[in-house]
């Protein structure tokens, strides 16, 4: 069965590359590299492709406000060529604070903008000459100077709310879910896959340690961070069974910051939204995640203690050595 790994934004460049080398000796399907406000994604994907020459590599995610559709297309085709046709292009809208405060763009019409991005990227990355007129973008006589490695690069969309989920099943090759309760995710997958079959990936906050309490505590900190600063996730979780918990975490965050809000993350949240604990328990939890209908679990590495030693245990737990 397929399984993937996400090497988180808090790792250093050297740590990402060393972890990628470790993964290159396993049967992992895909290595996903995030982009937040640290490492630039296409650069890292190019480096990872050299360290791990067999797995598929994926962006999780490139946001559609910080680059034009043409520049994303050029980056994707470049990385796909460097990796010998192993790229999955993961796209998302990001969030208003990142788009507006960090990139100086207006966070407007994310669903319509995403549709145009995907249409344009598909046209450009096929090597065709592109003339395009949309509500957000107009391109005239754009044609790549290099020949793409493939006629089509798979495009996966990060989707949270209903409109983006529906758009994903309309136009994308796959979906990337994150922070969805297992019961809700199972229902959504069953409903949407009846419409059209695409690959369903879900990134799971994951921490493995021989000390279960340490692992759970680390996962709580990551989960609490996303609830505190990620309005879209906080509101989605509030609508799907965690109203009291998200309210408590957010109110405490406004008062005291990040330091202790993880203490308000409940066991129910940990069990439904993360994979956390000692190795055997994590393997059992992964099985429950697969039962929702996910095709590609993306195990998000959250280190405890020494990063590389932590990653060796993480890799040994989930990925078979070749």
C-alpha atoms as a PDB file:
ATOM      1  CA  UNK A   1       0.000   0.000   0.000  1.00  0.00           C
ATOM      2  CA  UNK A   2       1.160   3.501  -0.805  1.00  0.00           C
ATOM      3  CA  UNK A   3       2.528   5.783   1.882  1.00  0.00           C
ATOM      4  CA  UNK A   4       4.199   9.187   1.769  1.00  0.00           C
ATOM      5  CA  UNK A   5       6.106  11.546   4.035  1.00  0.00           C
ATOM      6  CA  UNK A   6       6.062  15.305   4.551  1.00  0.00           C
ATOM      7  CA  UNK A   7       9.253  16.927   5.807  1.00  0.00           C
ATOM      8  CA  UNK A   8       8.047  19.877   7.834  1.00  0.00           C
ATOM      9  CA  UNK A   9       8.849  23.536   7.505  1.00  0.00           C
ATOM     10  CA  UNK A  10      10.675  23.716  10.837  1.00  0.00           C
ATOM     11  CA  UNK A  11      13.492  21.450   9.647  1.00  0.00           C
ATOM     12  CA  UNK A  12      16.674  23.025   8.357  1.00  0.00           C
ATOM     13  CA  UNK A  13      17.694  22.607   4.730  1.00  0.00           C
ATOM     14  CA  UNK A  14      20.411  20.141   5.725  1.00  0.00           C
ATOM     15  CA  UNK A  15      17.942  18.144   7.822  1.00  0.00           C
ATOM     16  CA  UNK A  16      15.460  17.907   4.935  1.00  0.00           C
ATOM     17  CA  UNK A  17      18.190  16.626   2.662  1.00  0.00           C
ATOM     18  CA  UNK A  18      19.513  14.119   5.212  1.00  0.00           C
ATOM     19  CA  UNK A  19      16.000  12.819   5.865  1.00  0.00           C
ATOM     20  CA  UNK A  20      15.480  12.505   2.110  1.00  0.00           C
ATOM     21  CA  UNK A  21      18.619  10.391   1.854  1.00  0.00           C
ATOM     22  CA  UNK A  22      17.288   8.103   4.583  1.00  0.00           C
ATOM     23  CA  UNK A  23      13.961   7.810   2.741  1.00  0.00           C
ATOM     24  CA  UNK A  24      15.756   7.013  -0.516  1.00  0.00           C
ATOM     25  CA  UNK A  25      16.652   3.618   0.958  1.00  0.00           C
ATOM     26  CA  UNK A  26      13.000   2.755   1.634  1.00  0.00           C
ATOM     27  CA  UNK A  27       9.946   1.878  -0.437  1.00  0.00           C
ATOM     28  CA  UNK A  28       8.261   5.251   0.196  1.00  0.00           C
ATOM     29  CA  UNK A  29       5.928   6.410  -2.569  1.00  0.00           C
ATOM     30  CA  UNK A  30       6.217  10.198  -2.333  1.00  0.00           C
ATOM     31  CA  UNK A  31       8.275  12.787  -0.471  1.00  0.00           C
ATOM     32  CA  UNK A  32       6.306  15.997   0.037  1.00  0.00           C
ATOM     33  CA  UNK A  33       8.023  19.304   0.746  1.00  0.00           C
ATOM     34  CA  UNK A  34       5.974  22.136   2.282  1.00  0.00           C
ATOM     35  CA  UNK A  35       6.330  25.841   1.647  1.00  0.00           C
ATOM     36  CA  UNK A  36       5.356  28.398   4.265  1.00  0.00           C
ATOM     37  CA  UNK A  37       7.629  31.410   4.755  1.00  0.00           C
ATOM     38  CA  UNK A  38      10.958  29.613   4.918  1.00  0.00           C
ATOM     39  CA  UNK A  39      12.431  27.343   2.266  1.00  0.00           C
ATOM     40  CA  UNK A  40      11.417  28.057  -1.324  1.00  0.00           C
ATOM     41  CA  UNK A  41       9.655  24.992  -2.642  1.00  0.00           C
ATOM     42  CA  UNK A  42      10.952  24.440  -6.163  1.00  0.00           C
ATOM     43  CA  UNK A  43      14.568  24.825  -5.014  1.00  0.00           C
ATOM     44  CA  UNK A  44      14.078  22.254  -2.279  1.00  0.00           C
ATOM     45  CA  UNK A  45      12.248  19.821  -4.557  1.00  0.00           C
ATOM     46  CA  UNK A  46      15.148  19.973  -7.012  1.00  0.00           C
ATOM     47  CA  UNK A  47      17.623  19.140  -4.243  1.00  0.00           C
ATOM     48  CA  UNK A  48      15.448  16.387  -2.776  1.00  0.00           C
ATOM     49  CA  UNK A  49      15.120  14.842  -6.238  1.00  0.00           C
ATOM     50  CA  UNK A  50      18.900  14.442  -6.310  1.00  0.00           C
ATOM     51  CA  UNK A  51      19.059  12.879  -2.843  1.00  0.00           C
ATOM     52  CA  UNK A  52      16.152  10.479  -3.422  1.00  0.00           C
ATOM     53  CA  UNK A  53      16.182   9.348  -7.046  1.00  0.00           C
ATOM     54  CA  UNK A  54      13.239   6.899  -6.978  1.00  0.00           C
ATOM     55  CA  UNK A  55      10.273   8.348  -5.058  1.00  0.00           C
ATOM     56  CA  UNK A  56       7.768  10.771  -6.495  1.00  0.00           C
ATOM     57  CA  UNK A  57       8.254  14.299  -5.122  1.00  0.00           C
ATOM     58  CA  UNK A  58       5.449  16.692  -4.320  1.00  0.00           C
ATOM     59  CA  UNK A  59       4.848  20.309  -3.335  1.00  0.00           C
ATOM     60  CA  UNK A  60       2.541  20.658  -0.372  1.00  0.00           C
ATOM     61  CA  UNK A  61       1.717  23.323  -1.129  1.00  0.00           C
ATOM     62  CA  UNK A  62       2.576  26.068  -3.598  1.00  0.00           C
ATOM     63  CA  UNK A  63       0.127  28.896  -2.942  1.00  0.00           C
ATOM     64  CA  UNK A  64      -1.588  30.584  -5.885  1.00  0.00           C
ATOM     65  CA  UNK A  65      -1.097  34.161  -4.743  1.00  0.00           C
ATOM     66  CA  UNK A  66       2.687  34.423  -4.406  1.00  0.00           C
ATOM     67  CA  UNK A  67       3.540  33.427  -8.012  1.00  0.00           C
ATOM     68  CA  UNK A  68       1.858  33.916 -11.371  1.00  0.00           C
ATOM     69  CA  UNK A  69       0.449  30.850 -13.174  1.00  0.00           C
ATOM     70  CA  UNK A  70       3.259  31.170 -15.721  1.00  0.00           C
ATOM     71  CA  UNK A  71       5.999  31.202 -13.066  1.00  0.00           C
ATOM     72  CA  UNK A  72       4.483  28.186 -11.313  1.00  0.00           C
ATOM     73  CA  UNK A  73       4.345  26.404 -14.668  1.00  0.00           C
ATOM     74  CA  UNK A  74       8.003  27.173 -15.368  1.00  0.00           C
ATOM     75  CA  UNK A  75       9.013  25.981 -11.912  1.00  0.00           C
ATOM     76  CA  UNK A  76       6.976  22.794 -12.215  1.00  0.00           C
ATOM     77  CA  UNK A  77       8.311  21.907 -15.655  1.00  0.00           C
ATOM     78  CA  UNK A  78      11.879  22.617 -14.501  1.00  0.00           C
ATOM     79  CA  UNK A  79      11.579  20.397 -11.425  1.00  0.00           C
ATOM     80  CA  UNK A  80       9.787  17.693 -13.394  1.00  0.00           C
ATOM     81  CA  UNK A  81      12.667  17.668 -15.882  1.00  0.00           C
ATOM     82  CA  UNK A  82      15.325  17.615 -13.153  1.00  0.00           C
ATOM     83  CA  UNK A  83      13.531  14.746 -11.387  1.00  0.00           C
ATOM     84  CA  UNK A  84      12.991  12.784 -14.608  1.00  0.00           C
ATOM     85  CA  UNK A  85       9.202  13.088 -14.505  1.00  0.00           C
ATOM     86  CA  UNK A  86       8.534  12.515 -10.801  1.00  0.00           C
ATOM     87  CA  UNK A  87       6.736  15.700  -9.755  1.00  0.00           C
ATOM     88  CA  UNK A  88       3.262  16.096  -8.300  1.00  0.00           C
ATOM     89  CA  UNK A  89       2.320  19.769  -8.244  1.00  0.00           C
ATOM     90  CA  UNK A  90       0.370  20.472  -5.069  1.00  0.00           C
ATOM     91  CA  UNK A  91      -1.460  23.808  -5.116  1.00  0.00           C
ATOM     92  CA  UNK A  92      -3.434  25.662  -2.465  1.00  0.00           C
ATOM     93  CA  UNK A  93      -4.801  29.072  -1.609  1.00  0.00           C
ATOM     94  CA  UNK A  94      -2.920  29.516   1.681  1.00  0.00           C
ATOM     95  CA  UNK A  95      -4.624  32.056   3.977  1.00  0.00           C
ATOM     96  CA  UNK A  96      -5.313  35.809   4.151  1.00  0.00           C
ATOM     97  CA  UNK A  97      -2.572  36.579   6.733  1.00  0.00           C
ATOM     98  CA  UNK A  98       0.125  34.890   4.628  1.00  0.00           C
ATOM     99  CA  UNK A  99      -1.135  36.193   1.288  1.00  0.00           C
ATOM    100  CA  UNK A 100      -1.836  39.757   2.409  1.00  0.00           C
ATOM    101  CA  UNK A 101       0.728  40.360   5.162  1.00  0.00           C
ATOM    102  CA  UNK A 102       3.648  38.354   3.773  1.00  0.00           C
ATOM    103  CA  UNK A 103       3.139  38.710   0.013  1.00  0.00           C
ATOM    104  CA  UNK A 104       1.256  41.992  -0.263  1.00  0.00           C
ATOM    105  CA  UNK A 105      -1.543  40.505  -2.374  1.00  0.00           C
ATOM    106  CA  UNK A 106      -5.290  40.680  -1.828  1.00  0.00           C
ATOM    107  CA  UNK A 107      -6.903  37.392  -0.842  1.00  0.00           C
ATOM    108  CA  UNK A 108      -9.803  37.516  -3.288  1.00  0.00           C
ATOM    109  CA  UNK A 109     -11.889  34.918  -5.144  1.00  0.00           C
ATOM    110  CA  UNK A 110      -9.742  31.911  -4.163  1.00  0.00           C
ATOM    111  CA  UNK A 111     -11.940  29.282  -5.871  1.00  0.00           C
ATOM    112  CA  UNK A 112     -12.233  31.148  -9.176  1.00  0.00           C
ATOM    113  CA  UNK A 113      -8.549  31.998  -9.075  1.00  0.00           C
ATOM    114  CA  UNK A 114      -7.649  28.351  -8.481  1.00  0.00           C
ATOM    115  CA  UNK A 115      -9.711  27.240 -11.475  1.00  0.00           C
ATOM    116  CA  UNK A 116      -7.847  29.649 -13.758  1.00  0.00           C
ATOM    117  CA  UNK A 117      -4.463  28.681 -12.329  1.00  0.00           C
ATOM    118  CA  UNK A 118      -5.066  25.010 -13.021  1.00  0.00           C
ATOM    119  CA  UNK A 119      -6.339  25.709 -16.543  1.00  0.00           C
ATOM    120  CA  UNK A 120      -3.306  27.865 -17.382  1.00  0.00           C
ATOM    121  CA  UNK A 121      -0.747  25.533 -15.782  1.00  0.00           C
ATOM    122  CA  UNK A 122      -2.131  22.575 -17.711  1.00  0.00           C
ATOM    123  CA  UNK A 123      -1.871  24.495 -20.977  1.00  0.00           C
ATOM    124  CA  UNK A 124       1.633  25.848 -20.386  1.00  0.00           C
ATOM    125  CA  UNK A 125       3.114  22.635 -18.972  1.00  0.00           C
ATOM    126  CA  UNK A 126       1.882  20.721 -22.025  1.00  0.00           C
ATOM    127  CA  UNK A 127       4.269  22.803 -24.137  1.00  0.00           C
ATOM    128  CA  UNK A 128       1.516  24.501 -26.134  1.00  0.00           C
ATOM    129  CA  UNK A 129       1.414  28.146 -27.132  1.00  0.00           C
ATOM    130  CA  UNK A 130      -1.034  29.772 -24.754  1.00  0.00           C
ATOM    131  CA  UNK A 131      -3.535  32.553 -25.312  1.00  0.00           C
ATOM    132  CA  UNK A 132      -5.861  32.771 -22.359  1.00  0.00           C
ATOM    133  CA  UNK A 133      -8.580  35.171 -21.278  1.00  0.00           C
ATOM    134  CA  UNK A 134     -10.089  34.791 -17.838  1.00  0.00           C
ATOM    135  CA  UNK A 135     -11.502  36.982 -15.077  1.00  0.00           C
ATOM    136  CA  UNK A 136      -8.179  37.020 -13.222  1.00  0.00           C
ATOM    137  CA  UNK A 137      -5.567  36.407 -15.910  1.00  0.00           C
ATOM    138  CA  UNK A 138      -4.969  37.203 -19.560  1.00  0.00           C
ATOM    139  CA  UNK A 139      -1.986  35.587 -21.287  1.00  0.00           C
ATOM    140  CA  UNK A 140      -0.869  36.263 -24.852  1.00  0.00           C
ATOM    141  CA  UNK A 141       1.423  34.044 -26.939  1.00  0.00           C
ATOM    142  CA  UNK A 142       3.155  32.351 -23.991  1.00  0.00           C
ATOM    143  CA  UNK A 143       5.188  29.288 -24.901  1.00  0.00           C
ATOM    144  CA  UNK A 144       7.925  27.599 -22.900  1.00  0.00           C
ATOM    145  CA  UNK A 145      11.427  27.753 -24.334  1.00  0.00           C
ATOM    146  CA  UNK A 146      12.151  24.266 -22.987  1.00  0.00           C
ATOM    147  CA  UNK A 147      10.407  21.034 -23.889  1.00  0.00           C
ATOM    148  CA  UNK A 148       8.474  19.560 -20.954  1.00  0.00           C
ATOM    149  CA  UNK A 149       9.484  16.110 -19.771  1.00  0.00           C
ATOM    150  CA  UNK A 150       5.843  15.004 -19.841  1.00  0.00           C
ATOM    151  CA  UNK A 151       2.712  16.244 -21.553  1.00  0.00           C
ATOM    152  CA  UNK A 152       0.934  16.347 -18.198  1.00  0.00           C
ATOM    153  CA  UNK A 153       2.156  16.960 -14.666  1.00  0.00           C
ATOM    154  CA  UNK A 154      -0.311  15.679 -12.023  1.00  0.00           C
ATOM    155  CA  UNK A 155      -1.967  18.502 -10.097  1.00  0.00           C
ATOM    156  CA  UNK A 156      -3.329  17.972  -6.589  1.00  0.00           C
ATOM    157  CA  UNK A 157      -5.291  20.630  -4.723  1.00  0.00           C
ATOM    158  CA  UNK A 158      -5.303  21.302  -0.998  1.00  0.00           C
ATOM    159  CA  UNK A 159      -8.975  21.553  -0.063  1.00  0.00           C
ATOM    160  CA  UNK A 160     -10.760  22.338   3.180  1.00  0.00           C
ATOM    161  CA  UNK A 161     -14.207  23.807   2.592  1.00  0.00           C
ATOM    162  CA  UNK A 162     -16.978  22.524   0.330  1.00  0.00           C
ATOM    163  CA  UNK A 163     -16.441  24.768  -2.710  1.00  0.00           C
ATOM    164  CA  UNK A 164     -12.747  23.934  -2.971  1.00  0.00           C
ATOM    165  CA  UNK A 165     -13.442  20.236  -2.419  1.00  0.00           C
ATOM    166  CA  UNK A 166     -15.974  20.285  -5.258  1.00  0.00           C
ATOM    167  CA  UNK A 167     -13.600  22.196  -7.543  1.00  0.00           C
ATOM    168  CA  UNK A 168     -10.858  19.677  -6.785  1.00  0.00           C
ATOM    169  CA  UNK A 169     -13.004  16.779  -7.931  1.00  0.00           C
ATOM    170  CA  UNK A 170     -13.939  18.764 -11.040  1.00  0.00           C
ATOM    171  CA  UNK A 171     -10.465  19.682 -12.290  1.00  0.00           C
ATOM    172  CA  UNK A 172      -7.619  18.021 -10.349  1.00  0.00           C
ATOM    173  CA  UNK A 173      -5.824  14.683 -10.378  1.00  0.00           C
ATOM    174  CA  UNK A 174      -5.816  14.420  -6.612  1.00  0.00           C
ATOM    175  CA  UNK A 175      -6.734  16.090  -3.352  1.00  0.00           C
ATOM    176  CA  UNK A 176      -4.602  16.867  -0.296  1.00  0.00           C
ATOM    177  CA  UNK A 177      -6.627  16.914   2.915  1.00  0.00           C
ATOM    178  CA  UNK A 178      -5.356  18.133   6.286  1.00  0.00           C
ATOM    179  CA  UNK A 179      -6.883  18.317   9.776  1.00  0.00           C
ATOM    180  CA  UNK A 180     -10.132  16.526   8.983  1.00  0.00           C
ATOM    181  CA  UNK A 181     -11.769  14.328  11.644  1.00  0.00           C
ATOM    182  CA  UNK A 182     -11.689  10.688  10.531  1.00  0.00           C
ATOM    183  CA  UNK A 183     -15.488  10.254  10.502  1.00  0.00           C
ATOM    184  CA  UNK A 184     -16.021  13.424   8.454  1.00  0.00           C
ATOM    185  CA  UNK A 185     -13.238  12.501   6.050  1.00  0.00           C
ATOM    186  CA  UNK A 186     -14.698   9.049   5.414  1.00  0.00           C
ATOM    187  CA  UNK A 187     -18.102  10.532   4.527  1.00  0.00           C
ATOM    188  CA  UNK A 188     -16.587  13.197   2.283  1.00  0.00           C
ATOM    189  CA  UNK A 189     -14.406  10.703   0.420  1.00  0.00           C
ATOM    190  CA  UNK A 190     -17.290   8.294  -0.156  1.00  0.00           C
ATOM    191  CA  UNK A 191     -19.533  11.076  -1.467  1.00  0.00           C
ATOM    192  CA  UNK A 192     -16.966  12.711  -3.726  1.00  0.00           C
ATOM    193  CA  UNK A 193     -15.453   9.535  -5.142  1.00  0.00           C
ATOM    194  CA  UNK A 194     -18.897   8.591  -6.472  1.00  0.00           C
ATOM    195  CA  UNK A 195     -18.679  11.746  -8.591  1.00  0.00           C
ATOM    196  CA  UNK A 196     -15.264  11.017 -10.101  1.00  0.00           C
ATOM    197  CA  UNK A 197     -12.313   8.934  -8.951  1.00  0.00           C
ATOM    198  CA  UNK A 198      -9.199  10.909  -8.059  1.00  0.00           C
ATOM    199  CA  UNK A 199      -6.321  10.090  -5.705  1.00  0.00           C
ATOM    200  CA  UNK A 200      -7.100  11.056  -2.126  1.00  0.00           C
ATOM    201  CA  UNK A 201      -4.087  12.082  -0.057  1.00  0.00           C
ATOM    202  CA  UNK A 202      -4.272  13.269   3.520  1.00  0.00           C
ATOM    203  CA  UNK A 203      -1.451  14.756   5.526  1.00  0.00           C
ATOM    204  CA  UNK A 204      -1.500  13.622   9.143  1.00  0.00           C
ATOM    205  CA  UNK A 205       0.323  15.302  12.006  1.00  0.00           C
ATOM    206  CA  UNK A 206       2.552  12.463  13.166  1.00  0.00           C
ATOM    207  CA  UNK A 207       4.978  11.975  16.029  1.00  0.00           C
ATOM    208  CA  UNK A 208       6.659   8.715  17.008  1.00  0.00           C
ATOM    209  CA  UNK A 209       8.616   8.124  20.190  1.00  0.00           C
ATOM    210  CA  UNK A 210       9.382   5.200  22.466  1.00  0.00           C
ATOM    211  CA  UNK A 211       7.770   7.422  25.112  1.00  0.00           C
ATOM    212  CA  UNK A 212       4.120   7.767  24.138  1.00  0.00           C
ATOM    213  CA  UNK A 213       3.504  10.822  26.344  1.00  0.00           C
ATOM    214  CA  UNK A 214       6.346  12.711  24.695  1.00  0.00           C
ATOM    215  CA  UNK A 215       4.990  11.914  21.233  1.00  0.00           C
ATOM    216  CA  UNK A 216       1.439  12.938  22.093  1.00  0.00           C
ATOM    217  CA  UNK A 217       2.637  16.162  23.704  1.00  0.00           C
ATOM    218  CA  UNK A 218       4.590  17.054  20.549  1.00  0.00           C
ATOM    219  CA  UNK A 219       1.574  16.391  18.332  1.00  0.00           C
ATOM    220  CA  UNK A 220      -0.594  18.511  20.627  1.00  0.00           C
ATOM    221  CA  UNK A 221       1.755  21.464  20.138  1.00  0.00           C
ATOM    222  CA  UNK A 222       1.577  21.195  16.347  1.00  0.00           C
ATOM    223  CA  UNK A 223      -2.202  20.786  16.356  1.00  0.00           C
ATOM    224  CA  UNK A 224      -2.718  23.676  18.772  1.00  0.00           C
ATOM    225  CA  UNK A 225      -0.548  25.928  16.601  1.00  0.00           C
ATOM    226  CA  UNK A 226      -2.696  25.317  13.509  1.00  0.00           C
ATOM    227  CA  UNK A 227      -5.907  25.861  15.440  1.00  0.00           C
ATOM    228  CA  UNK A 228      -4.600  29.091  16.973  1.00  0.00           C
ATOM    229  CA  UNK A 229      -3.208  30.745  13.841  1.00  0.00           C
ATOM    230  CA  UNK A 230      -5.180  28.985  11.091  1.00  0.00           C
ATOM    231  CA  UNK A 231      -8.649  30.481  10.940  1.00  0.00           C
ATOM    232  CA  UNK A 232      -9.792  28.197   8.121  1.00  0.00           C
ATOM    233  CA  UNK A 233      -8.849  25.059  10.092  1.00  0.00           C
ATOM    234  CA  UNK A 234     -10.229  26.416  13.346  1.00  0.00           C
ATOM    235  CA  UNK A 235     -13.604  27.186  11.785  1.00  0.00           C
ATOM    236  CA  UNK A 236     -13.730  23.871   9.914  1.00  0.00           C
ATOM    237  CA  UNK A 237     -13.009  21.875  13.059  1.00  0.00           C
ATOM    238  CA  UNK A 238     -15.540  23.917  15.022  1.00  0.00           C
ATOM    239  CA  UNK A 239     -18.194  22.917  12.483  1.00  0.00           C
ATOM    240  CA  UNK A 240     -17.178  19.267  12.669  1.00  0.00           C
ATOM    241  CA  UNK A 241     -17.345  18.262  16.288  1.00  0.00           C
ATOM    242  CA  UNK A 242     -14.752  20.397  18.054  1.00  0.00           C
ATOM    243  CA  UNK A 243     -16.479  23.721  18.788  1.00  0.00           C
ATOM    244  CA  UNK A 244     -15.713  23.788  22.502  1.00  0.00           C
ATOM    245  CA  UNK A 245     -12.103  22.691  22.039  1.00  0.00           C
ATOM    246  CA  UNK A 246     -11.275  25.182  19.304  1.00  0.00           C
ATOM    247  CA  UNK A 247     -12.934  28.022  21.229  1.00  0.00           C
ATOM    248  CA  UNK A 248     -10.936  27.187  24.347  1.00  0.00           C
ATOM    249  CA  UNK A 249      -7.647  26.983  22.468  1.00  0.00           C
ATOM    250  CA  UNK A 250      -8.203  30.204  20.552  1.00  0.00           C
ATOM    251  CA  UNK A 251      -9.337  32.206  23.573  1.00  0.00           C
ATOM    252  CA  UNK A 252      -6.290  31.079  25.545  1.00  0.00           C
ATOM    253  CA  UNK A 253      -4.033  31.853  22.571  1.00  0.00           C
ATOM    254  CA  UNK A 254      -5.332  35.439  22.494  1.00  0.00           C
ATOM    255  CA  UNK A 255      -4.544  35.795  26.191  1.00  0.00           C
ATOM    256  CA  UNK A 256      -1.207  34.028  26.575  1.00  0.00           C
ATOM    257  CA  UNK A 257       0.128  33.055  23.138  1.00  0.00           C
ATOM    258  CA  UNK A 258       1.356  29.620  22.089  1.00  0.00           C
ATOM    259  CA  UNK A 259       3.221  28.555  25.193  1.00  0.00           C
ATOM    260  CA  UNK A 260       0.628  26.402  26.962  1.00  0.00           C
ATOM    261  CA  UNK A 261      -2.372  26.153  24.636  1.00  0.00           C
ATOM    262  CA  UNK A 262      -1.456  22.578  23.656  1.00  0.00           C
ATOM    263  CA  UNK A 263      -2.608  21.533  27.126  1.00  0.00           C
ATOM    264  CA  UNK A 264      -6.175  22.252  25.949  1.00  0.00           C
ATOM    265  CA  UNK A 265      -5.966  19.755  23.075  1.00  0.00           C
ATOM    266  CA  UNK A 266      -8.152  16.798  24.075  1.00  0.00           C
ATOM    267  CA  UNK A 267      -7.520  13.073  23.631  1.00  0.00           C
ATOM    268  CA  UNK A 268     -10.452  12.963  21.236  1.00  0.00           C
ATOM    269  CA  UNK A 269      -8.749  15.524  19.004  1.00  0.00           C
ATOM    270  CA  UNK A 270      -5.448  13.653  19.103  1.00  0.00           C
ATOM    271  CA  UNK A 271      -7.142  10.356  18.224  1.00  0.00           C
ATOM    272  CA  UNK A 272      -9.111  11.831  15.330  1.00  0.00           C
ATOM    273  CA  UNK A 273      -6.590  14.262  13.851  1.00  0.00           C
ATOM    274  CA  UNK A 274      -3.103  12.849  14.461  1.00  0.00           C
ATOM    275  CA  UNK A 275      -0.959   9.739  14.548  1.00  0.00           C
ATOM    276  CA  UNK A 276       0.916   9.847  17.843  1.00  0.00           C
ATOM    277  CA  UNK A 277       2.618   7.485  20.271  1.00  0.00           C
ATOM    278  CA  UNK A 278       5.049   4.610  20.362  1.00  0.00           C
ATOM    279  CA  UNK A 279       5.762   2.741  17.098  1.00  0.00           C
ATOM    280  CA  UNK A 280       3.252  -0.124  17.351  1.00  0.00           C
ATOM    281  CA  UNK A 281       0.435   2.218  18.377  1.00  0.00           C
ATOM    282  CA  UNK A 282       1.235   4.510  15.425  1.00  0.00           C
ATOM    283  CA  UNK A 283       1.030   1.597  13.001  1.00  0.00           C
ATOM    284  CA  UNK A 284      -2.436   0.735  14.325  1.00  0.00           C
ATOM    285  CA  UNK A 285      -3.533   4.356  14.028  1.00  0.00           C
ATOM    286  CA  UNK A 286      -2.299   4.463  10.420  1.00  0.00           C
ATOM    287  CA  UNK A 287      -4.513   1.467   9.663  1.00  0.00           C
ATOM    288  CA  UNK A 288      -7.534   3.403  10.979  1.00  0.00           C
ATOM    289  CA  UNK A 289      -6.618   6.350   8.762  1.00  0.00           C
ATOM    290  CA  UNK A 290      -6.501   4.092   5.690  1.00  0.00           C
ATOM    291  CA  UNK A 291      -9.983   2.776   6.517  1.00  0.00           C
ATOM    292  CA  UNK A 292     -11.457   6.201   5.742  1.00  0.00           C
ATOM    293  CA  UNK A 293     -10.749   5.625   2.044  1.00  0.00           C
ATOM    294  CA  UNK A 294      -7.483   7.552   1.814  1.00  0.00           C
ATOM    295  CA  UNK A 295      -5.301   6.321  -1.040  1.00  0.00           C
ATOM    296  CA  UNK A 296      -2.118   8.058   0.065  1.00  0.00           C
ATOM    297  CA  UNK A 297      -1.500   8.817   3.748  1.00  0.00           C
ATOM    298  CA  UNK A 298       1.118  11.574   4.036  1.00  0.00           C
ATOM    299  CA  UNK A 299       2.877  11.164   7.357  1.00  0.00           C
ATOM    300  CA  UNK A 300       4.006  14.607   8.559  1.00  0.00           C
ATOM    301  CA  UNK A 301       7.249  14.314  10.511  1.00  0.00           C
ATOM    302  CA  UNK A 302       7.263  16.090  13.872  1.00  0.00           C
ATOM    303  CA  UNK A 303      10.610  15.493  15.610  1.00  0.00           C
ATOM    304  CA  UNK A 304      11.258  14.984  19.303  1.00  0.00           C
ATOM    305  CA  UNK A 305      14.761  15.446  20.648  1.00  0.00           C
ATOM    306  CA  UNK A 306      17.570  14.987  18.135  1.00  0.00           C
ATOM    307  CA  UNK A 307      16.002  15.465  14.705  1.00  0.00           C
ATOM    308  CA  UNK A 308      17.856  12.788  12.769  1.00  0.00           C
ATOM    309  CA  UNK A 309      17.598  10.146  15.502  1.00  0.00           C
ATOM    310  CA  UNK A 310      13.903  10.939  15.768  1.00  0.00           C
ATOM    311  CA  UNK A 311      13.545  10.619  12.013  1.00  0.00           C
ATOM    312  CA  UNK A 312      15.304   7.237  11.936  1.00  0.00           C
ATOM    313  CA  UNK A 313      12.707   5.870  14.362  1.00  0.00           C
ATOM    314  CA  UNK A 314       9.932   7.557  12.368  1.00  0.00           C
ATOM    315  CA  UNK A 315      11.215   6.037   9.103  1.00  0.00           C
ATOM    316  CA  UNK A 316      11.684   2.596  10.630  1.00  0.00           C
ATOM    317  CA  UNK A 317       8.107   2.678  11.947  1.00  0.00           C
ATOM    318  CA  UNK A 318       6.368   3.473   8.674  1.00  0.00           C
ATOM    319  CA  UNK A 319       8.643   2.714   5.704  1.00  0.00           C
ATOM    320  CA  UNK A 320      10.077  -0.618   4.680  1.00  0.00           C
ATOM    321  CA  UNK A 321      13.756  -0.638   3.803  1.00  0.00           C
ATOM    322  CA  UNK A 322      14.617  -1.848   0.338  1.00  0.00           C
END
